[in-house]
Amino acid sequence: MPRNAVCVFCGARTGASPAYAAAAEATGRMLADNGWQLVYGAGDIGLMGVVARAAQAAGGETMGVIPEHLVRREVGKRDLTRHVVTETMHERKKVMFMNSHAIVVLPGGAGTLDEFFEVLTWRQIGLHQKPVFLLNTEGYWTPLMQLLDHVIAAGFADPDLKRIVQSTDNVQDLSIALRAALS
C-alpha cells in the first residue's frame, strides 16, 4: 500500500447541483497534489468518474475496486494505476477499506450511505481507527449529521459516535484535516 491512500466513497451519479461535481474534481486534484493515492469504486460515471479523472489528470495514483456485476453498469474504469474486480459488494468495500488510511465521503445515494455506515460501525465497535470525513458540499450531509445527533439523543449511541466523523464544508478544509490525520 502506498504511504498514504484515501478511500473516497461517492455517487455513481453527479447529483442535481454542479457544486457536487466541482467538489469531486477538486478532491481528486487535492489527493494527487498531496501525493495520496485515490482508492475508489472504479466507476467512470457520476462523482466516481469525476474524482478519478481529476486525480489522474493531476498525476495521482488511482486504485479502483469494482464488483463484476457492476463493471458494465458503472462503466468500470480500467486505465487506473491499479484495477481490482471483486465478486461481491461486501468484498469491494473491504478491499477499498483495507487499502486506505482514511475515508472521505462525498455526496451520493444509498450505496454511499451503505459504505459510510459500514466504516462508521466498524470504527464504533473498535475494528479500526482510520479517520472518517464527510465533505458537506452545500450542506448535503447536514441531515445525516442531524440523524446522528438524534440517534445519540434517543440513547442508541454514545456521544463518541459523533466524534468519529469529521465534517468539512469545502475541499480546502478537507485537505487540512487529512494532512493532520495522516501525518
N, C-alpha and C. Protein backbone atom coordinates (compact mmCIF):
# COMPACT_ATOMS: atom_id res chain seq x y z
N MET A 1 0.85 -1.18 0.00
CA MET A 1 0.00 0.00 0.00
C MET A 1 0.90 1.24 0.00
N PRO A 2 0.54 2.27 -0.78
CA PRO A 2 1.32 3.50 -0.80
C PRO A 2 1.41 4.14 0.59
N ARG A 3 2.30 5.09 0.73
CA ARG A 3 2.49 5.76 2.01
C ARG A 3 1.16 6.25 2.58
N ASN A 4 0.36 6.92 1.80
CA ASN A 4 -0.97 7.34 2.23
C ASN A 4 -1.95 7.14 1.08
N ALA A 5 -3.01 6.46 1.39
CA ALA A 5 -4.08 6.23 0.42
C ALA A 5 -5.39 6.64 1.07
N VAL A 6 -6.24 7.29 0.30
CA VAL A 6 -7.51 7.79 0.81
C VAL A 6 -8.64 7.15 0.03
N CYS A 7 -9.52 6.47 0.76
CA CYS A 7 -10.71 5.86 0.17
C CYS A 7 -11.77 6.94 0.02
N VAL A 8 -12.31 7.09 -1.17
CA VAL A 8 -13.39 8.04 -1.42
C VAL A 8 -14.63 7.27 -1.81
N PHE A 9 -15.65 7.39 -0.99
CA PHE A 9 -16.97 6.85 -1.30
C PHE A 9 -17.80 8.00 -1.86
N CYS A 10 -18.48 7.77 -2.98
CA CYS A 10 -19.29 8.84 -3.58
C CYS A 10 -20.27 8.25 -4.60
N GLY A 11 -21.08 9.10 -5.14
CA GLY A 11 -22.16 8.68 -6.01
C GLY A 11 -21.76 8.23 -7.40
N ALA A 12 -22.55 7.33 -7.95
CA ALA A 12 -22.42 6.89 -9.34
C ALA A 12 -23.24 7.82 -10.24
N ARG A 13 -23.75 8.89 -9.66
CA ARG A 13 -24.42 9.97 -10.38
C ARG A 13 -23.75 11.27 -9.95
N THR A 14 -23.95 12.32 -10.73
CA THR A 14 -23.33 13.60 -10.36
C THR A 14 -24.23 14.44 -9.46
N GLY A 15 -25.50 14.09 -9.33
CA GLY A 15 -26.39 14.85 -8.48
C GLY A 15 -26.95 16.07 -9.16
N ALA A 16 -27.84 16.76 -8.47
CA ALA A 16 -28.58 17.88 -9.04
C ALA A 16 -27.78 19.18 -9.07
N SER A 17 -26.81 19.33 -8.18
CA SER A 17 -26.06 20.58 -8.11
C SER A 17 -24.69 20.43 -8.77
N PRO A 18 -24.32 21.38 -9.62
CA PRO A 18 -22.98 21.35 -10.22
C PRO A 18 -21.86 21.43 -9.16
N ALA A 19 -22.19 21.91 -7.98
CA ALA A 19 -21.20 22.02 -6.90
C ALA A 19 -20.68 20.65 -6.48
N TYR A 20 -21.49 19.61 -6.61
CA TYR A 20 -21.05 18.26 -6.22
C TYR A 20 -19.91 17.78 -7.12
N ALA A 21 -20.08 17.96 -8.43
CA ALA A 21 -19.02 17.55 -9.36
C ALA A 21 -17.79 18.43 -9.19
N ALA A 22 -18.00 19.72 -8.96
CA ALA A 22 -16.86 20.62 -8.76
C ALA A 22 -16.06 20.20 -7.52
N ALA A 23 -16.75 19.81 -6.45
CA ALA A 23 -16.06 19.37 -5.24
C ALA A 23 -15.36 18.03 -5.46
N ALA A 24 -15.97 17.15 -6.23
CA ALA A 24 -15.35 15.86 -6.54
C ALA A 24 -14.07 16.08 -7.35
N GLU A 25 -14.14 16.98 -8.32
CA GLU A 25 -12.96 17.28 -9.13
C GLU A 25 -11.86 17.89 -8.27
N ALA A 26 -12.22 18.81 -7.41
CA ALA A 26 -11.23 19.42 -6.51
C ALA A 26 -10.65 18.40 -5.55
N THR A 27 -11.45 17.44 -5.12
CA THR A 27 -10.97 16.39 -4.23
C THR A 27 -9.94 15.52 -4.94
N GLY A 28 -10.23 15.12 -6.15
CA GLY A 28 -9.28 14.31 -6.92
C GLY A 28 -7.95 15.03 -7.11
N ARG A 29 -8.01 16.30 -7.46
CA ARG A 29 -6.78 17.10 -7.62
C ARG A 29 -6.03 17.23 -6.29
N MET A 30 -6.77 17.49 -5.23
CA MET A 30 -6.17 17.67 -3.91
C MET A 30 -5.44 16.40 -3.47
N LEU A 31 -6.04 15.24 -3.71
CA LEU A 31 -5.39 13.99 -3.33
C LEU A 31 -4.07 13.83 -4.10
N ALA A 32 -4.12 14.06 -5.40
CA ALA A 32 -2.91 13.94 -6.22
C ALA A 32 -1.85 14.96 -5.80
N ASP A 33 -2.28 16.19 -5.56
CA ASP A 33 -1.34 17.24 -5.18
C ASP A 33 -0.62 16.93 -3.87
N ASN A 34 -1.28 16.17 -2.99
CA ASN A 34 -0.68 15.78 -1.72
C ASN A 34 0.09 14.47 -1.80
N GLY A 35 0.08 13.84 -2.99
CA GLY A 35 0.77 12.57 -3.15
C GLY A 35 0.04 11.39 -2.55
N TRP A 36 -1.27 11.54 -2.34
CA TRP A 36 -2.08 10.46 -1.77
C TRP A 36 -2.77 9.70 -2.88
N GLN A 37 -2.74 8.39 -2.79
CA GLN A 37 -3.44 7.56 -3.77
C GLN A 37 -4.94 7.61 -3.52
N LEU A 38 -5.70 7.74 -4.60
CA LEU A 38 -7.15 7.64 -4.54
C LEU A 38 -7.53 6.16 -4.59
N VAL A 39 -8.34 5.71 -3.63
CA VAL A 39 -8.94 4.39 -3.65
C VAL A 39 -10.44 4.62 -3.76
N TYR A 40 -11.05 4.08 -4.81
CA TYR A 40 -12.47 4.38 -5.02
C TYR A 40 -13.14 3.22 -5.75
N GLY A 41 -14.41 3.36 -6.08
CA GLY A 41 -15.23 2.29 -6.62
C GLY A 41 -15.03 1.92 -8.07
N ALA A 42 -14.05 2.48 -8.75
CA ALA A 42 -13.65 2.12 -10.12
C ALA A 42 -14.65 2.47 -11.21
N GLY A 43 -15.71 3.18 -10.87
CA GLY A 43 -16.65 3.59 -11.90
C GLY A 43 -16.14 4.79 -12.68
N ASP A 44 -16.59 4.91 -13.92
CA ASP A 44 -16.22 6.05 -14.74
C ASP A 44 -17.44 6.92 -15.01
N ILE A 45 -18.41 6.83 -14.09
CA ILE A 45 -19.63 7.63 -14.19
C ILE A 45 -19.82 8.39 -12.88
N GLY A 46 -20.67 9.38 -12.91
CA GLY A 46 -21.02 10.11 -11.70
C GLY A 46 -19.82 10.75 -11.04
N LEU A 47 -19.97 11.00 -9.74
CA LEU A 47 -18.87 11.61 -8.99
C LEU A 47 -17.66 10.71 -8.94
N MET A 48 -17.89 9.38 -9.02
CA MET A 48 -16.75 8.45 -9.05
C MET A 48 -15.83 8.77 -10.22
N GLY A 49 -16.41 8.89 -11.39
CA GLY A 49 -15.62 9.18 -12.58
C GLY A 49 -14.95 10.54 -12.50
N VAL A 50 -15.67 11.53 -11.97
CA VAL A 50 -15.12 12.89 -11.86
C VAL A 50 -13.89 12.89 -10.96
N VAL A 51 -13.99 12.29 -9.78
CA VAL A 51 -12.87 12.31 -8.84
C VAL A 51 -11.67 11.55 -9.40
N ALA A 52 -11.91 10.43 -10.07
CA ALA A 52 -10.81 9.64 -10.63
C ALA A 52 -10.12 10.36 -11.78
N ARG A 53 -10.90 10.91 -12.71
CA ARG A 53 -10.29 11.62 -13.84
C ARG A 53 -9.48 12.82 -13.36
N ALA A 54 -9.97 13.52 -12.32
CA ALA A 54 -9.24 14.67 -11.79
C ALA A 54 -7.94 14.24 -11.14
N ALA A 55 -7.99 13.16 -10.38
CA ALA A 55 -6.76 12.65 -9.74
C ALA A 55 -5.75 12.24 -10.81
N GLN A 56 -6.21 11.54 -11.84
CA GLN A 56 -5.32 11.12 -12.92
C GLN A 56 -4.73 12.32 -13.66
N ALA A 57 -5.56 13.30 -13.97
CA ALA A 57 -5.10 14.48 -14.71
C ALA A 57 -4.04 15.25 -13.93
N ALA A 58 -4.12 15.16 -12.59
CA ALA A 58 -3.14 15.84 -11.74
C ALA A 58 -1.93 14.97 -11.43
N GLY A 59 -1.85 13.79 -12.07
CA GLY A 59 -0.70 12.92 -11.90
C GLY A 59 -0.77 11.98 -10.71
N GLY A 60 -1.96 11.82 -10.14
CA GLY A 60 -2.10 10.97 -8.96
C GLY A 60 -2.25 9.50 -9.28
N GLU A 61 -1.94 8.67 -8.29
CA GLU A 61 -2.16 7.23 -8.40
C GLU A 61 -3.61 6.93 -8.06
N THR A 62 -4.16 5.94 -8.75
CA THR A 62 -5.56 5.58 -8.54
C THR A 62 -5.70 4.08 -8.42
N MET A 63 -6.52 3.67 -7.46
CA MET A 63 -6.86 2.26 -7.31
C MET A 63 -8.38 2.17 -7.34
N GLY A 64 -8.90 1.41 -8.29
CA GLY A 64 -10.33 1.23 -8.40
C GLY A 64 -10.72 -0.20 -8.06
N VAL A 65 -11.83 -0.34 -7.34
CA VAL A 65 -12.31 -1.66 -6.92
C VAL A 65 -13.78 -1.76 -7.30
N ILE A 66 -14.11 -2.75 -8.11
CA ILE A 66 -15.48 -2.87 -8.61
C ILE A 66 -15.91 -4.34 -8.64
N PRO A 67 -17.14 -4.62 -8.21
CA PRO A 67 -17.62 -5.99 -8.33
C PRO A 67 -17.99 -6.31 -9.78
N GLU A 68 -17.79 -7.54 -10.15
CA GLU A 68 -18.02 -7.99 -11.53
C GLU A 68 -19.38 -7.54 -12.05
N HIS A 69 -20.42 -7.65 -11.23
CA HIS A 69 -21.77 -7.34 -11.72
C HIS A 69 -22.00 -5.84 -11.99
N LEU A 70 -21.07 -4.98 -11.59
CA LEU A 70 -21.22 -3.55 -11.84
C LEU A 70 -20.28 -3.01 -12.92
N VAL A 71 -19.44 -3.86 -13.48
CA VAL A 71 -18.46 -3.38 -14.47
C VAL A 71 -19.16 -2.64 -15.61
N ARG A 72 -20.24 -3.18 -16.14
CA ARG A 72 -20.95 -2.50 -17.24
C ARG A 72 -21.79 -1.34 -16.73
N ARG A 73 -22.52 -1.57 -15.66
CA ARG A 73 -23.44 -0.55 -15.14
C ARG A 73 -22.71 0.73 -14.72
N GLU A 74 -21.56 0.58 -14.06
CA GLU A 74 -20.82 1.74 -13.60
C GLU A 74 -19.66 2.10 -14.55
N VAL A 75 -19.67 1.49 -15.73
CA VAL A 75 -18.66 1.73 -16.75
C VAL A 75 -17.27 1.64 -16.12
N GLY A 76 -16.93 0.44 -15.68
CA GLY A 76 -15.66 0.20 -15.00
C GLY A 76 -14.47 0.85 -15.68
N LYS A 77 -13.79 1.70 -14.97
CA LYS A 77 -12.64 2.46 -15.49
C LYS A 77 -11.40 1.59 -15.34
N ARG A 78 -10.77 1.28 -16.46
CA ARG A 78 -9.64 0.35 -16.43
C ARG A 78 -8.28 1.01 -16.58
N ASP A 79 -8.23 2.29 -16.90
CA ASP A 79 -6.93 2.96 -17.09
C ASP A 79 -6.40 3.54 -15.78
N LEU A 80 -6.55 2.77 -14.72
CA LEU A 80 -6.13 3.18 -13.39
C LEU A 80 -4.75 2.62 -13.07
N THR A 81 -4.11 3.15 -12.05
CA THR A 81 -2.83 2.61 -11.61
C THR A 81 -3.02 1.15 -11.20
N ARG A 82 -4.12 0.88 -10.53
CA ARG A 82 -4.44 -0.48 -10.09
C ARG A 82 -5.94 -0.68 -10.20
N HIS A 83 -6.36 -1.81 -10.78
CA HIS A 83 -7.77 -2.10 -11.00
C HIS A 83 -8.07 -3.48 -10.43
N VAL A 84 -9.05 -3.55 -9.52
CA VAL A 84 -9.39 -4.81 -8.87
C VAL A 84 -10.87 -5.11 -9.13
N VAL A 85 -11.16 -6.32 -9.57
CA VAL A 85 -12.54 -6.76 -9.76
C VAL A 85 -12.85 -7.79 -8.68
N THR A 86 -13.92 -7.54 -7.92
CA THR A 86 -14.32 -8.43 -6.84
C THR A 86 -15.57 -9.22 -7.23
N GLU A 87 -15.91 -10.19 -6.40
CA GLU A 87 -17.12 -10.96 -6.65
C GLU A 87 -18.36 -10.28 -6.08
N THR A 88 -18.22 -9.62 -4.92
CA THR A 88 -19.39 -9.07 -4.23
C THR A 88 -19.18 -7.62 -3.83
N MET A 89 -20.28 -6.95 -3.50
CA MET A 89 -20.22 -5.58 -2.99
C MET A 89 -19.47 -5.54 -1.66
N HIS A 90 -19.73 -6.52 -0.79
CA HIS A 90 -19.07 -6.53 0.51
C HIS A 90 -17.55 -6.64 0.33
N GLU A 91 -17.14 -7.50 -0.58
CA GLU A 91 -15.71 -7.66 -0.85
C GLU A 91 -15.13 -6.34 -1.39
N ARG A 92 -15.89 -5.65 -2.23
CA ARG A 92 -15.45 -4.35 -2.76
C ARG A 92 -15.14 -3.39 -1.62
N LYS A 93 -16.11 -3.26 -0.70
CA LYS A 93 -15.93 -2.33 0.43
C LYS A 93 -14.72 -2.73 1.28
N LYS A 94 -14.57 -4.02 1.50
CA LYS A 94 -13.46 -4.50 2.32
C LYS A 94 -12.11 -4.19 1.66
N VAL A 95 -12.00 -4.44 0.36
CA VAL A 95 -10.74 -4.18 -0.35
C VAL A 95 -10.44 -2.68 -0.35
N MET A 96 -11.45 -1.85 -0.59
CA MET A 96 -11.25 -0.41 -0.56
C MET A 96 -10.78 0.03 0.82
N PHE A 97 -11.45 -0.44 1.84
CA PHE A 97 -11.11 -0.07 3.20
C PHE A 97 -9.70 -0.54 3.58
N MET A 98 -9.38 -1.77 3.26
CA MET A 98 -8.09 -2.34 3.65
C MET A 98 -6.91 -1.67 2.93
N ASN A 99 -7.17 -1.04 1.80
CA ASN A 99 -6.11 -0.40 1.03
C ASN A 99 -6.07 1.11 1.22
N SER A 100 -6.61 1.59 2.34
CA SER A 100 -6.62 3.04 2.58
C SER A 100 -6.27 3.35 4.03
N HIS A 101 -5.88 4.59 4.23
CA HIS A 101 -5.52 5.08 5.56
C HIS A 101 -6.58 6.03 6.12
N ALA A 102 -7.45 6.53 5.28
CA ALA A 102 -8.51 7.44 5.70
C ALA A 102 -9.68 7.27 4.74
N ILE A 103 -10.87 7.66 5.20
CA ILE A 103 -12.07 7.54 4.39
C ILE A 103 -12.69 8.92 4.23
N VAL A 104 -13.04 9.27 2.99
CA VAL A 104 -13.72 10.52 2.68
C VAL A 104 -15.03 10.16 1.98
N VAL A 105 -16.11 10.78 2.41
CA VAL A 105 -17.42 10.50 1.83
C VAL A 105 -17.94 11.78 1.18
N LEU A 106 -18.08 11.72 -0.14
CA LEU A 106 -18.67 12.82 -0.92
C LEU A 106 -20.15 12.54 -1.07
N PRO A 107 -20.94 13.46 -1.59
CA PRO A 107 -22.35 13.19 -1.80
C PRO A 107 -22.59 11.92 -2.62
N GLY A 108 -23.66 11.25 -2.32
CA GLY A 108 -24.03 10.03 -3.01
C GLY A 108 -25.36 9.53 -2.51
N GLY A 109 -25.77 8.38 -3.02
CA GLY A 109 -27.07 7.82 -2.68
C GLY A 109 -26.98 6.68 -1.69
N ALA A 110 -27.87 5.70 -1.88
CA ALA A 110 -27.97 4.58 -0.93
C ALA A 110 -26.67 3.80 -0.82
N GLY A 111 -25.98 3.59 -1.94
CA GLY A 111 -24.72 2.84 -1.90
C GLY A 111 -23.67 3.58 -1.09
N THR A 112 -23.61 4.90 -1.24
CA THR A 112 -22.65 5.71 -0.49
C THR A 112 -23.00 5.68 1.00
N LEU A 113 -24.29 5.76 1.31
CA LEU A 113 -24.71 5.66 2.71
C LEU A 113 -24.34 4.30 3.30
N ASP A 114 -24.53 3.24 2.52
CA ASP A 114 -24.15 1.90 2.98
C ASP A 114 -22.66 1.86 3.30
N GLU A 115 -21.85 2.40 2.41
CA GLU A 115 -20.40 2.40 2.62
C GLU A 115 -20.04 3.21 3.86
N PHE A 116 -20.66 4.39 4.00
CA PHE A 116 -20.39 5.23 5.17
C PHE A 116 -20.76 4.51 6.46
N PHE A 117 -21.97 3.95 6.52
CA PHE A 117 -22.40 3.33 7.76
C PHE A 117 -21.60 2.09 8.11
N GLU A 118 -21.10 1.39 7.10
CA GLU A 118 -20.27 0.22 7.40
C GLU A 118 -18.96 0.65 8.06
N VAL A 119 -18.26 1.63 7.50
CA VAL A 119 -16.99 2.04 8.12
C VAL A 119 -17.22 2.75 9.44
N LEU A 120 -18.34 3.47 9.57
CA LEU A 120 -18.69 4.10 10.84
C LEU A 120 -18.92 3.03 11.92
N THR A 121 -19.67 2.01 11.57
CA THR A 121 -19.95 0.93 12.52
C THR A 121 -18.67 0.20 12.90
N TRP A 122 -17.84 -0.10 11.91
CA TRP A 122 -16.57 -0.78 12.20
C TRP A 122 -15.74 0.04 13.16
N ARG A 123 -15.72 1.35 12.98
CA ARG A 123 -14.95 2.23 13.89
C ARG A 123 -15.61 2.25 15.27
N GLN A 124 -16.93 2.35 15.30
CA GLN A 124 -17.66 2.42 16.57
C GLN A 124 -17.39 1.19 17.44
N ILE A 125 -17.28 0.02 16.81
CA ILE A 125 -17.07 -1.20 17.59
C ILE A 125 -15.59 -1.56 17.73
N GLY A 126 -14.71 -0.65 17.30
CA GLY A 126 -13.29 -0.81 17.55
C GLY A 126 -12.52 -1.64 16.55
N LEU A 127 -13.06 -1.85 15.35
CA LEU A 127 -12.35 -2.64 14.35
C LEU A 127 -11.29 -1.83 13.61
N HIS A 128 -11.33 -0.52 13.72
CA HIS A 128 -10.30 0.32 13.10
C HIS A 128 -10.26 1.67 13.78
N GLN A 129 -9.21 2.43 13.46
CA GLN A 129 -9.05 3.79 13.99
C GLN A 129 -8.84 4.80 12.85
N LYS A 130 -9.19 4.41 11.64
CA LYS A 130 -8.99 5.30 10.50
C LYS A 130 -9.94 6.49 10.60
N PRO A 131 -9.46 7.68 10.23
CA PRO A 131 -10.34 8.85 10.26
C PRO A 131 -11.40 8.76 9.16
N VAL A 132 -12.59 9.28 9.48
CA VAL A 132 -13.71 9.27 8.54
C VAL A 132 -14.18 10.72 8.38
N PHE A 133 -14.21 11.18 7.12
CA PHE A 133 -14.58 12.56 6.82
C PHE A 133 -15.80 12.60 5.90
N LEU A 134 -16.69 13.56 6.17
CA LEU A 134 -17.79 13.86 5.25
C LEU A 134 -17.47 15.20 4.60
N LEU A 135 -17.49 15.25 3.27
CA LEU A 135 -17.37 16.53 2.57
C LEU A 135 -18.80 17.05 2.38
N ASN A 136 -19.15 18.03 3.19
CA ASN A 136 -20.52 18.52 3.30
C ASN A 136 -20.81 19.63 2.28
N THR A 137 -20.61 19.32 1.02
CA THR A 137 -20.81 20.28 -0.07
C THR A 137 -22.25 20.79 -0.07
N GLU A 138 -22.39 22.10 0.00
CA GLU A 138 -23.71 22.76 0.01
C GLU A 138 -24.64 22.16 1.07
N GLY A 139 -24.08 21.70 2.19
CA GLY A 139 -24.89 21.16 3.28
C GLY A 139 -25.48 19.79 3.01
N TYR A 140 -24.95 19.09 2.00
CA TYR A 140 -25.53 17.80 1.61
C TYR A 140 -25.66 16.83 2.79
N TRP A 141 -24.62 16.77 3.65
CA TRP A 141 -24.62 15.79 4.75
C TRP A 141 -25.19 16.34 6.04
N THR A 142 -25.67 17.57 6.07
CA THR A 142 -26.24 18.14 7.30
C THR A 142 -27.37 17.27 7.86
N PRO A 143 -28.32 16.80 7.05
CA PRO A 143 -29.37 15.93 7.61
C PRO A 143 -28.81 14.63 8.21
N LEU A 144 -27.73 14.11 7.64
CA LEU A 144 -27.11 12.90 8.18
C LEU A 144 -26.51 13.20 9.56
N MET A 145 -25.83 14.32 9.68
CA MET A 145 -25.26 14.69 10.97
C MET A 145 -26.38 14.92 12.00
N GLN A 146 -27.50 15.48 11.57
CA GLN A 146 -28.65 15.65 12.46
C GLN A 146 -29.22 14.29 12.87
N LEU A 147 -29.22 13.34 11.95
CA LEU A 147 -29.68 11.99 12.28
C LEU A 147 -28.77 11.37 13.35
N LEU A 148 -27.47 11.54 13.20
CA LEU A 148 -26.55 11.01 14.21
C LEU A 148 -26.81 11.67 15.57
N ASP A 149 -27.08 12.98 15.58
CA ASP A 149 -27.45 13.66 16.83
C ASP A 149 -28.71 13.03 17.43
N HIS A 150 -29.69 12.75 16.59
CA HIS A 150 -30.94 12.13 17.04
C HIS A 150 -30.69 10.74 17.63
N VAL A 151 -29.87 9.94 16.97
CA VAL A 151 -29.55 8.59 17.45
C VAL A 151 -28.90 8.69 18.83
N ILE A 152 -28.01 9.64 19.00
CA ILE A 152 -27.35 9.83 20.30
C ILE A 152 -28.36 10.30 21.35
N ALA A 153 -29.16 11.32 21.00
CA ALA A 153 -30.15 11.87 21.93
C ALA A 153 -31.18 10.82 22.35
N ALA A 154 -31.51 9.92 21.44
CA ALA A 154 -32.50 8.87 21.74
C ALA A 154 -31.90 7.71 22.53
N GLY A 155 -30.59 7.79 22.79
CA GLY A 155 -29.96 6.77 23.63
C GLY A 155 -29.49 5.53 22.91
N PHE A 156 -29.37 5.59 21.59
CA PHE A 156 -28.93 4.41 20.83
C PHE A 156 -27.44 4.43 20.48
N ALA A 157 -26.75 5.47 20.91
CA ALA A 157 -25.31 5.55 20.70
C ALA A 157 -24.72 6.53 21.70
N ASP A 158 -23.46 6.33 22.02
CA ASP A 158 -22.75 7.26 22.88
C ASP A 158 -22.39 8.51 22.08
N PRO A 159 -22.18 9.63 22.76
CA PRO A 159 -21.77 10.86 22.07
C PRO A 159 -20.48 10.68 21.26
N ASP A 160 -19.67 9.68 21.61
CA ASP A 160 -18.45 9.41 20.85
C ASP A 160 -18.74 9.14 19.38
N LEU A 161 -19.93 8.64 19.08
CA LEU A 161 -20.28 8.34 17.69
C LEU A 161 -20.09 9.58 16.82
N LYS A 162 -20.51 10.73 17.29
CA LYS A 162 -20.41 11.96 16.52
C LYS A 162 -18.96 12.41 16.35
N ARG A 163 -18.11 12.07 17.31
CA ARG A 163 -16.70 12.46 17.23
C ARG A 163 -15.92 11.59 16.24
N ILE A 164 -16.48 10.46 15.86
CA ILE A 164 -15.81 9.59 14.90
C ILE A 164 -15.77 10.24 13.52
N VAL A 165 -16.78 11.01 13.21
CA VAL A 165 -16.94 11.60 11.88
C VAL A 165 -16.58 13.08 11.93
N GLN A 166 -15.71 13.49 11.02
CA GLN A 166 -15.38 14.90 10.89
C GLN A 166 -16.04 15.42 9.61
N SER A 167 -16.80 16.49 9.76
CA SER A 167 -17.47 17.08 8.61
C SER A 167 -16.74 18.36 8.22
N THR A 168 -16.45 18.50 6.92
CA THR A 168 -15.84 19.72 6.40
C THR A 168 -16.72 20.25 5.28
N ASP A 169 -16.74 21.57 5.15
CA ASP A 169 -17.63 22.20 4.17
C ASP A 169 -17.01 22.40 2.80
N ASN A 170 -15.66 22.29 2.72
CA ASN A 170 -15.01 22.52 1.44
C ASN A 170 -13.73 21.69 1.35
N VAL A 171 -13.20 21.59 0.15
CA VAL A 171 -12.04 20.73 -0.11
C VAL A 171 -10.79 21.28 0.58
N GLN A 172 -10.66 22.59 0.68
CA GLN A 172 -9.51 23.16 1.37
C GLN A 172 -9.47 22.71 2.83
N ASP A 173 -10.61 22.78 3.51
CA ASP A 173 -10.66 22.32 4.91
C ASP A 173 -10.46 20.81 5.00
N LEU A 174 -10.97 20.07 4.03
CA LEU A 174 -10.76 18.62 3.98
C LEU A 174 -9.28 18.31 3.87
N SER A 175 -8.59 19.04 3.00
CA SER A 175 -7.16 18.83 2.80
C SER A 175 -6.39 19.06 4.11
N ILE A 176 -6.72 20.12 4.81
CA ILE A 176 -6.07 20.43 6.08
C ILE A 176 -6.33 19.32 7.09
N ALA A 177 -7.57 18.86 7.18
CA ALA A 177 -7.94 17.81 8.12
C ALA A 177 -7.25 16.49 7.78
N LEU A 178 -7.18 16.17 6.49
CA LEU A 178 -6.50 14.94 6.08
C LEU A 178 -5.01 15.01 6.38
N ARG A 179 -4.39 16.16 6.12
CA ARG A 179 -2.95 16.31 6.41
C ARG A 179 -2.70 16.08 7.89
N ALA A 180 -3.55 16.62 8.74
CA ALA A 180 -3.39 16.44 10.20
C ALA A 180 -3.58 14.98 10.58
N ALA A 181 -4.56 14.34 9.98
CA ALA A 181 -4.86 12.94 10.33
C ALA A 181 -3.82 11.96 9.80
N LEU A 182 -3.21 12.27 8.66
CA LEU A 182 -2.29 11.33 8.03
C LEU A 182 -0.83 11.62 8.35
N SER A 183 -0.57 12.63 9.16
CA SER A 183 0.83 12.95 9.47
C SER A 183 1.37 12.08 10.60
